[in-house]
């Protein structure tokens, strides 16, 4: 077992999990192979990978480094994760509901659901505000809720 870990570089369960992920990915690729829109999906996926890895990741990694230096204090709980987590939630919600938030694709929405499109910008802003407010309350509780020894 130690030889496998040394040769592979991680625990055996990691290799099994990776093999399972590759199997699911292969199954999905086989299912999509006959789809007429498979080429568009592949192009979208490659564009997303390039946009994330070459543009977005360096931007938010640099931003994180700047913020980390600005808030680095000893002894007190760092507010950094209390900003990161709601920002990640708001960002993911924005990406998932991007067409609805920006008001794009209303015709497609109506033809797919038979319902009138609803304005999602206000809802996304409200959910994002709640995420940041809850995180701020948790941070305040951690910061000011400590009792002096």
N, C-alpha and C. Protein backbone atom coordinates (compact mmCIF):
# COMPACT_ATOMS: atom_id res chain seq x y z
N UNK A 1 0.82 -1.19 0.00
CA UNK A 1 0.00 0.00 0.00
C UNK A 1 0.87 1.27 0.00
N UNK A 2 1.95 1.24 0.75
CA UNK A 2 2.84 2.40 0.80
C UNK A 2 3.53 2.60 -0.55
N UNK A 3 3.84 1.48 -1.24
CA UNK A 3 4.46 1.60 -2.57
C UNK A 3 3.50 2.24 -3.56
N UNK A 4 2.21 1.86 -3.48
CA UNK A 4 1.20 2.45 -4.37
C UNK A 4 1.06 3.95 -4.09
N UNK A 5 1.04 4.30 -2.83
CA UNK A 5 0.90 5.71 -2.48
C UNK A 5 2.12 6.51 -2.95
N UNK A 6 3.29 5.94 -2.80
CA UNK A 6 4.50 6.62 -3.23
C UNK A 6 4.54 6.75 -4.75
N UNK A 7 4.12 5.71 -5.47
CA UNK A 7 4.14 5.72 -6.93
C UNK A 7 3.06 6.63 -7.50
N UNK A 8 1.86 6.56 -6.91
CA UNK A 8 0.73 7.35 -7.42
C UNK A 8 0.77 8.78 -6.90
N UNK A 9 1.17 8.96 -5.66
CA UNK A 9 1.26 10.30 -5.09
C UNK A 9 0.08 10.68 -4.22
N UNK A 10 -0.90 9.79 -4.09
CA UNK A 10 -2.06 10.07 -3.25
C UNK A 10 -2.60 8.74 -2.72
N UNK A 11 -3.62 8.84 -1.89
CA UNK A 11 -4.22 7.64 -1.28
C UNK A 11 -4.95 6.82 -2.34
N UNK A 12 -5.12 5.52 -2.11
CA UNK A 12 -5.82 4.67 -3.07
C UNK A 12 -7.27 5.11 -3.33
N UNK A 13 -7.94 5.64 -2.31
CA UNK A 13 -9.32 6.09 -2.53
C UNK A 13 -9.37 7.23 -3.54
N UNK A 14 -8.29 8.02 -3.62
CA UNK A 14 -8.24 9.10 -4.60
C UNK A 14 -8.23 8.54 -6.02
N UNK A 15 -7.46 7.48 -6.23
CA UNK A 15 -7.40 6.84 -7.56
C UNK A 15 -8.75 6.26 -7.94
N UNK A 16 -9.44 5.65 -6.97
CA UNK A 16 -10.77 5.09 -7.24
C UNK A 16 -11.77 6.20 -7.57
N UNK A 17 -11.72 7.27 -6.83
CA UNK A 17 -12.62 8.40 -7.08
C UNK A 17 -12.35 9.01 -8.45
N UNK A 18 -11.10 9.17 -8.80
CA UNK A 18 -10.74 9.71 -10.11
C UNK A 18 -11.21 8.78 -11.23
N UNK A 19 -11.05 7.48 -11.05
CA UNK A 19 -11.51 6.52 -12.05
C UNK A 19 -13.03 6.60 -12.21
N UNK A 20 -13.74 6.75 -11.10
CA UNK A 20 -15.19 6.90 -11.17
C UNK A 20 -15.60 8.16 -11.91
N UNK A 21 -14.91 9.27 -11.64
CA UNK A 21 -15.20 10.53 -12.34
C UNK A 21 -14.94 10.40 -13.84
N UNK A 22 -13.85 9.74 -14.19
CA UNK A 22 -13.55 9.54 -15.61
C UNK A 22 -14.58 8.64 -16.27
N UNK A 23 -15.07 7.63 -15.55
CA UNK A 23 -16.09 6.75 -16.10
C UNK A 23 -17.39 7.52 -16.36
N UNK A 24 -17.80 8.36 -15.40
CA UNK A 24 -19.02 9.16 -15.58
C UNK A 24 -18.83 10.14 -16.74
N UNK A 25 -17.67 10.75 -16.84
CA UNK A 25 -17.40 11.68 -17.94
C UNK A 25 -17.44 10.97 -19.28
N UNK A 26 -16.87 9.78 -19.35
CA UNK A 26 -16.91 9.00 -20.58
C UNK A 26 -18.32 8.62 -20.97
N UNK A 27 -19.13 8.24 -19.99
CA UNK A 27 -20.53 7.90 -20.25
C UNK A 27 -21.30 9.11 -20.80
N UNK A 28 -21.06 10.27 -20.20
CA UNK A 28 -21.72 11.49 -20.68
C UNK A 28 -21.27 11.82 -22.10
N UNK A 29 -19.97 11.68 -22.37
CA UNK A 29 -19.46 11.96 -23.71
C UNK A 29 -20.10 11.02 -24.73
N UNK A 30 -20.25 9.75 -24.39
CA UNK A 30 -20.91 8.81 -25.30
C UNK A 30 -22.37 9.17 -25.54
N UNK A 31 -23.04 9.62 -24.50
CA UNK A 31 -24.45 10.03 -24.64
C UNK A 31 -24.58 11.26 -25.53
N UNK A 32 -23.63 12.17 -25.45
CA UNK A 32 -23.69 13.40 -26.23
C UNK A 32 -23.15 13.24 -27.64
N UNK A 33 -22.47 12.15 -27.92
CA UNK A 33 -21.83 11.98 -29.22
C UNK A 33 -22.83 12.04 -30.37
N UNK A 34 -24.03 11.55 -30.16
CA UNK A 34 -25.02 11.56 -31.24
C UNK A 34 -25.87 12.82 -31.29
N UNK A 35 -25.68 13.72 -30.36
CA UNK A 35 -26.49 14.94 -30.32
C UNK A 35 -26.05 15.92 -31.41
N UNK A 36 -27.03 16.60 -31.98
CA UNK A 36 -26.72 17.58 -33.02
C UNK A 36 -25.97 18.79 -32.45
N UNK A 37 -26.23 19.10 -31.19
CA UNK A 37 -25.61 20.28 -30.59
C UNK A 37 -24.34 19.94 -29.81
N UNK A 38 -23.79 18.74 -29.98
CA UNK A 38 -22.60 18.35 -29.24
C UNK A 38 -21.41 19.25 -29.56
N UNK A 39 -21.26 19.64 -30.80
CA UNK A 39 -20.16 20.53 -31.17
C UNK A 39 -20.25 21.88 -30.50
N UNK A 40 -21.46 22.42 -30.44
CA UNK A 40 -21.65 23.71 -29.75
C UNK A 40 -21.36 23.57 -28.26
N UNK A 41 -21.78 22.45 -27.67
CA UNK A 41 -21.51 22.25 -26.24
C UNK A 41 -20.01 22.15 -25.98
N UNK A 42 -19.29 21.44 -26.84
CA UNK A 42 -17.85 21.31 -26.70
C UNK A 42 -17.18 22.66 -26.86
N UNK A 43 -17.62 23.44 -27.82
CA UNK A 43 -17.06 24.78 -28.03
C UNK A 43 -17.31 25.67 -26.81
N UNK A 44 -18.53 25.59 -26.26
CA UNK A 44 -18.86 26.37 -25.06
C UNK A 44 -17.97 25.93 -23.90
N UNK A 45 -17.79 24.64 -23.72
CA UNK A 45 -16.97 24.12 -22.63
C UNK A 45 -15.52 24.59 -22.77
N UNK A 46 -14.98 24.48 -23.96
CA UNK A 46 -13.59 24.92 -24.18
C UNK A 46 -13.45 26.42 -23.96
N UNK A 47 -14.44 27.19 -24.41
CA UNK A 47 -14.42 28.63 -24.17
C UNK A 47 -14.48 28.96 -22.69
N UNK A 48 -15.28 28.21 -21.95
CA UNK A 48 -15.37 28.43 -20.50
C UNK A 48 -14.06 28.10 -19.81
N UNK A 49 -13.43 27.02 -20.24
CA UNK A 49 -12.14 26.64 -19.65
C UNK A 49 -11.09 27.72 -19.93
N UNK A 50 -11.04 28.19 -21.15
CA UNK A 50 -10.06 29.22 -21.51
C UNK A 50 -10.35 30.52 -20.77
N UNK A 51 -11.62 30.91 -20.73
CA UNK A 51 -11.98 32.15 -20.04
C UNK A 51 -11.65 32.07 -18.55
N UNK A 52 -11.91 30.92 -17.94
CA UNK A 52 -11.62 30.80 -16.52
C UNK A 52 -10.12 30.74 -16.25
N UNK A 53 -9.44 29.82 -16.92
CA UNK A 53 -8.04 29.58 -16.60
C UNK A 53 -7.11 30.71 -17.03
N UNK A 54 -7.40 31.36 -18.12
CA UNK A 54 -6.50 32.40 -18.62
C UNK A 54 -6.91 33.81 -18.24
N UNK A 55 -8.18 34.02 -17.90
CA UNK A 55 -8.63 35.37 -17.59
C UNK A 55 -9.09 35.49 -16.14
N UNK A 56 -10.12 34.74 -15.79
CA UNK A 56 -10.73 34.91 -14.47
C UNK A 56 -9.84 34.48 -13.32
N UNK A 57 -9.20 33.32 -13.42
CA UNK A 57 -8.39 32.85 -12.30
C UNK A 57 -7.27 33.83 -11.95
N UNK A 58 -6.48 34.32 -12.90
CA UNK A 58 -5.45 35.29 -12.51
C UNK A 58 -6.05 36.56 -11.88
N UNK A 59 -7.21 36.98 -12.36
CA UNK A 59 -7.83 38.18 -11.80
C UNK A 59 -8.24 37.96 -10.36
N UNK A 60 -9.00 36.87 -10.09
CA UNK A 60 -9.45 36.72 -8.70
C UNK A 60 -8.36 36.21 -7.78
N UNK A 61 -7.33 35.55 -8.30
CA UNK A 61 -6.20 35.18 -7.45
C UNK A 61 -5.41 36.43 -7.04
N UNK A 62 -5.24 37.35 -7.96
CA UNK A 62 -4.55 38.61 -7.63
C UNK A 62 -5.36 39.44 -6.65
N UNK A 63 -6.66 39.52 -6.89
CA UNK A 63 -7.54 40.24 -5.97
C UNK A 63 -7.49 39.64 -4.58
N UNK A 64 -7.50 38.32 -4.50
CA UNK A 64 -7.45 37.64 -3.22
C UNK A 64 -6.14 37.94 -2.50
N UNK A 65 -5.05 37.97 -3.24
CA UNK A 65 -3.75 38.27 -2.64
C UNK A 65 -3.73 39.68 -2.07
N UNK A 66 -4.28 40.64 -2.83
CA UNK A 66 -4.31 42.04 -2.37
C UNK A 66 -5.18 42.15 -1.12
N UNK A 67 -6.34 41.53 -1.14
CA UNK A 67 -7.25 41.62 0.02
C UNK A 67 -6.63 40.92 1.23
N UNK A 68 -5.98 39.78 1.01
CA UNK A 68 -5.36 39.05 2.11
C UNK A 68 -4.28 39.89 2.79
N UNK A 69 -3.50 40.60 2.00
CA UNK A 69 -2.47 41.47 2.60
C UNK A 69 -3.10 42.62 3.37
N UNK A 70 -4.22 43.13 2.87
CA UNK A 70 -4.87 44.27 3.51
C UNK A 70 -5.51 43.90 4.85
N UNK A 71 -6.02 42.69 4.98
CA UNK A 71 -6.75 42.32 6.20
C UNK A 71 -5.95 41.41 7.11
N UNK A 72 -4.69 41.14 6.79
CA UNK A 72 -3.88 40.23 7.59
C UNK A 72 -3.57 40.87 8.94
N UNK A 73 -4.27 40.39 9.95
CA UNK A 73 -4.04 40.86 11.32
C UNK A 73 -3.86 39.63 12.20
N UNK A 74 -3.04 39.76 13.18
CA UNK A 74 -2.85 38.65 14.10
C UNK A 74 -3.88 38.66 15.22
N UNK A 75 -4.31 37.48 15.63
CA UNK A 75 -5.20 37.37 16.80
C UNK A 75 -6.68 37.42 16.50
N UNK A 76 -7.14 38.33 15.67
CA UNK A 76 -8.56 38.46 15.39
C UNK A 76 -8.96 37.52 14.25
N UNK A 77 -10.21 37.07 14.25
CA UNK A 77 -10.64 36.24 13.12
C UNK A 77 -10.62 37.06 11.83
N UNK A 78 -10.14 36.45 10.77
CA UNK A 78 -10.02 37.13 9.49
C UNK A 78 -11.39 37.24 8.82
N UNK A 79 -11.72 38.40 8.29
CA UNK A 79 -12.99 38.54 7.58
C UNK A 79 -12.94 38.00 6.15
N UNK A 80 -11.78 37.52 5.73
CA UNK A 80 -11.58 37.13 4.35
C UNK A 80 -12.55 36.03 3.90
N UNK A 81 -12.67 34.97 4.66
CA UNK A 81 -13.58 33.91 4.26
C UNK A 81 -15.04 34.34 4.37
N UNK A 82 -15.31 35.32 5.19
CA UNK A 82 -16.68 35.83 5.31
C UNK A 82 -17.04 36.73 4.12
N UNK A 83 -16.06 37.06 3.30
CA UNK A 83 -16.31 37.75 2.04
C UNK A 83 -16.25 36.76 0.88
N UNK A 84 -15.30 35.82 0.95
CA UNK A 84 -15.13 34.84 -0.12
C UNK A 84 -16.36 33.98 -0.33
N UNK A 85 -16.92 33.44 0.73
CA UNK A 85 -18.02 32.47 0.61
C UNK A 85 -19.27 33.11 -0.01
N UNK A 86 -19.76 34.25 0.50
CA UNK A 86 -20.93 34.83 -0.17
C UNK A 86 -20.62 35.33 -1.58
N UNK A 87 -19.38 35.78 -1.82
CA UNK A 87 -19.02 36.21 -3.17
C UNK A 87 -19.05 35.03 -4.13
N UNK A 88 -18.58 33.88 -3.68
CA UNK A 88 -18.62 32.68 -4.50
C UNK A 88 -20.06 32.28 -4.78
N UNK A 89 -20.90 32.31 -3.74
CA UNK A 89 -22.32 31.98 -3.93
C UNK A 89 -23.00 32.92 -4.90
N UNK A 90 -22.76 34.22 -4.74
CA UNK A 90 -23.37 35.20 -5.63
C UNK A 90 -22.85 35.04 -7.06
N UNK A 91 -21.56 34.77 -7.19
CA UNK A 91 -20.98 34.57 -8.52
C UNK A 91 -21.53 33.34 -9.22
N UNK A 92 -21.65 32.25 -8.49
CA UNK A 92 -22.21 31.03 -9.08
C UNK A 92 -23.67 31.22 -9.47
N UNK A 93 -24.44 31.87 -8.61
CA UNK A 93 -25.83 32.15 -8.96
C UNK A 93 -25.91 33.04 -10.19
N UNK A 94 -25.01 34.01 -10.29
CA UNK A 94 -25.00 34.88 -11.46
C UNK A 94 -24.72 34.09 -12.73
N UNK A 95 -23.74 33.19 -12.67
CA UNK A 95 -23.42 32.40 -13.85
C UNK A 95 -24.56 31.46 -14.25
N UNK A 96 -25.20 30.85 -13.27
CA UNK A 96 -26.29 29.91 -13.57
C UNK A 96 -27.49 30.63 -14.17
N UNK A 97 -27.83 31.78 -13.60
CA UNK A 97 -29.03 32.50 -14.04
C UNK A 97 -28.70 33.72 -14.89
N UNK A 98 -27.53 33.74 -15.51
CA UNK A 98 -27.08 34.89 -16.30
C UNK A 98 -28.10 35.37 -17.34
N UNK A 99 -28.65 34.49 -18.17
CA UNK A 99 -29.62 35.00 -19.16
C UNK A 99 -30.83 35.66 -18.52
N UNK A 100 -31.32 35.07 -17.44
CA UNK A 100 -32.49 35.66 -16.77
C UNK A 100 -32.17 36.95 -16.07
N UNK A 101 -30.99 37.03 -15.48
CA UNK A 101 -30.58 38.25 -14.78
C UNK A 101 -30.40 39.40 -15.75
N UNK A 102 -29.82 39.11 -16.90
CA UNK A 102 -29.58 40.16 -17.89
C UNK A 102 -30.76 40.36 -18.84
N UNK A 103 -31.81 39.55 -18.69
CA UNK A 103 -32.99 39.67 -19.54
C UNK A 103 -32.79 39.14 -20.94
N UNK A 104 -31.89 38.18 -21.11
CA UNK A 104 -31.63 37.58 -22.42
C UNK A 104 -32.42 36.28 -22.55
N UNK A 105 -32.75 35.90 -23.75
CA UNK A 105 -33.38 34.61 -23.99
C UNK A 105 -34.82 34.52 -23.55
N UNK A 106 -35.53 35.64 -23.51
CA UNK A 106 -36.92 35.60 -23.07
C UNK A 106 -37.78 34.77 -24.00
N UNK A 107 -37.53 34.84 -25.30
CA UNK A 107 -38.30 34.05 -26.26
C UNK A 107 -38.10 32.56 -26.06
N UNK A 108 -36.87 32.18 -25.81
CA UNK A 108 -36.57 30.77 -25.55
C UNK A 108 -37.25 30.30 -24.28
N UNK A 109 -37.24 31.14 -23.25
CA UNK A 109 -37.87 30.79 -21.98
C UNK A 109 -39.36 30.58 -22.17
N UNK A 110 -40.01 31.48 -22.91
CA UNK A 110 -41.45 31.37 -23.14
C UNK A 110 -41.76 30.11 -23.95
N UNK A 111 -40.98 29.83 -24.99
CA UNK A 111 -41.26 28.66 -25.81
C UNK A 111 -40.98 27.36 -25.06
N UNK A 112 -40.03 27.37 -24.14
CA UNK A 112 -39.70 26.16 -23.40
C UNK A 112 -40.67 25.90 -22.26
N UNK A 113 -41.15 26.96 -21.60
CA UNK A 113 -41.98 26.77 -20.41
C UNK A 113 -43.42 27.19 -20.59
N UNK A 114 -43.69 28.06 -21.54
CA UNK A 114 -45.04 28.59 -21.70
C UNK A 114 -45.37 29.67 -20.68
N UNK A 115 -44.38 30.09 -19.90
CA UNK A 115 -44.56 31.11 -18.87
C UNK A 115 -43.88 32.39 -19.29
N UNK A 116 -44.39 33.50 -18.77
CA UNK A 116 -43.75 34.79 -19.04
C UNK A 116 -42.46 34.89 -18.22
N UNK A 117 -41.40 35.42 -18.81
CA UNK A 117 -40.15 35.56 -18.06
C UNK A 117 -40.30 36.54 -16.91
N UNK A 118 -39.62 36.24 -15.82
CA UNK A 118 -39.66 37.11 -14.65
C UNK A 118 -38.32 37.81 -14.51
N UNK A 119 -38.38 39.00 -13.98
CA UNK A 119 -37.13 39.74 -13.77
C UNK A 119 -36.35 39.08 -12.64
N UNK A 120 -35.15 38.65 -12.95
CA UNK A 120 -34.35 37.94 -11.95
C UNK A 120 -33.26 38.81 -11.34
N UNK A 121 -33.03 39.98 -11.89
CA UNK A 121 -31.97 40.83 -11.37
C UNK A 121 -32.23 41.19 -9.91
N UNK A 122 -33.44 41.63 -9.62
CA UNK A 122 -33.79 42.00 -8.24
C UNK A 122 -33.68 40.82 -7.29
N UNK A 123 -34.11 39.66 -7.74
CA UNK A 123 -34.02 38.47 -6.90
C UNK A 123 -32.57 38.08 -6.65
N UNK A 124 -31.74 38.15 -7.70
CA UNK A 124 -30.33 37.81 -7.54
C UNK A 124 -29.66 38.79 -6.57
N UNK A 125 -29.97 40.07 -6.71
CA UNK A 125 -29.41 41.07 -5.80
C UNK A 125 -29.87 40.82 -4.37
N UNK A 126 -31.14 40.45 -4.20
CA UNK A 126 -31.66 40.18 -2.86
C UNK A 126 -30.98 38.96 -2.23
N UNK A 127 -30.86 37.89 -3.00
CA UNK A 127 -30.21 36.69 -2.48
C UNK A 127 -28.74 36.97 -2.16
N UNK A 128 -28.07 37.71 -3.03
CA UNK A 128 -26.67 38.05 -2.78
C UNK A 128 -26.55 38.91 -1.53
N UNK A 129 -27.45 39.86 -1.36
CA UNK A 129 -27.44 40.70 -0.16
C UNK A 129 -27.65 39.88 1.11
N UNK A 130 -28.56 38.92 1.04
CA UNK A 130 -28.80 38.06 2.20
C UNK A 130 -27.56 37.22 2.51
N UNK A 131 -26.91 36.69 1.47
CA UNK A 131 -25.69 35.91 1.69
C UNK A 131 -24.62 36.74 2.39
N UNK A 132 -24.42 37.97 1.93
CA UNK A 132 -23.40 38.82 2.56
C UNK A 132 -23.83 39.24 3.96
N UNK A 133 -25.12 39.50 4.18
CA UNK A 133 -25.59 39.91 5.50
C UNK A 133 -25.45 38.78 6.52
N UNK A 134 -25.81 37.57 6.13
CA UNK A 134 -25.66 36.43 7.04
C UNK A 134 -24.19 36.20 7.35
N UNK A 135 -23.34 36.31 6.34
CA UNK A 135 -21.91 36.14 6.56
C UNK A 135 -21.37 37.23 7.49
N UNK A 136 -21.84 38.46 7.33
CA UNK A 136 -21.40 39.55 8.21
C UNK A 136 -21.86 39.32 9.64
N UNK A 137 -23.07 38.80 9.82
CA UNK A 137 -23.55 38.50 11.17
C UNK A 137 -22.72 37.39 11.82
N UNK A 138 -22.39 36.38 11.04
CA UNK A 138 -21.56 35.30 11.58
C UNK A 138 -20.18 35.84 11.96
N UNK A 139 -19.62 36.69 11.10
CA UNK A 139 -18.32 37.28 11.40
C UNK A 139 -18.40 38.14 12.66
N UNK A 140 -19.43 38.95 12.77
CA UNK A 140 -19.58 39.80 13.97
C UNK A 140 -19.71 38.94 15.22
N UNK A 141 -20.46 37.85 15.11
CA UNK A 141 -20.58 36.95 16.25
C UNK A 141 -19.25 36.33 16.63
N UNK A 142 -18.45 35.96 15.64
CA UNK A 142 -17.14 35.38 15.92
C UNK A 142 -16.18 36.43 16.49
N UNK A 143 -16.27 37.63 15.96
CA UNK A 143 -15.32 38.67 16.36
C UNK A 143 -15.64 39.27 17.73
N UNK A 144 -16.91 39.59 17.94
CA UNK A 144 -17.28 40.29 19.17
C UNK A 144 -17.90 39.38 20.21
N UNK A 145 -18.17 38.16 19.85
CA UNK A 145 -18.79 37.23 20.79
C UNK A 145 -17.81 36.53 21.69
N UNK A 146 -16.52 36.73 21.46
CA UNK A 146 -15.51 36.10 22.33
C UNK A 146 -15.48 36.79 23.67
N UNK A 147 -15.32 35.99 24.65
CA UNK A 147 -15.21 36.55 26.00
C UNK A 147 -13.73 36.71 26.36
N UNK A 148 -13.44 37.77 27.02
CA UNK A 148 -12.05 38.01 27.44
C UNK A 148 -11.67 37.00 28.52
N UNK A 149 -10.44 36.49 28.50
CA UNK A 149 -10.03 35.49 29.49
C UNK A 149 -9.84 36.05 30.86
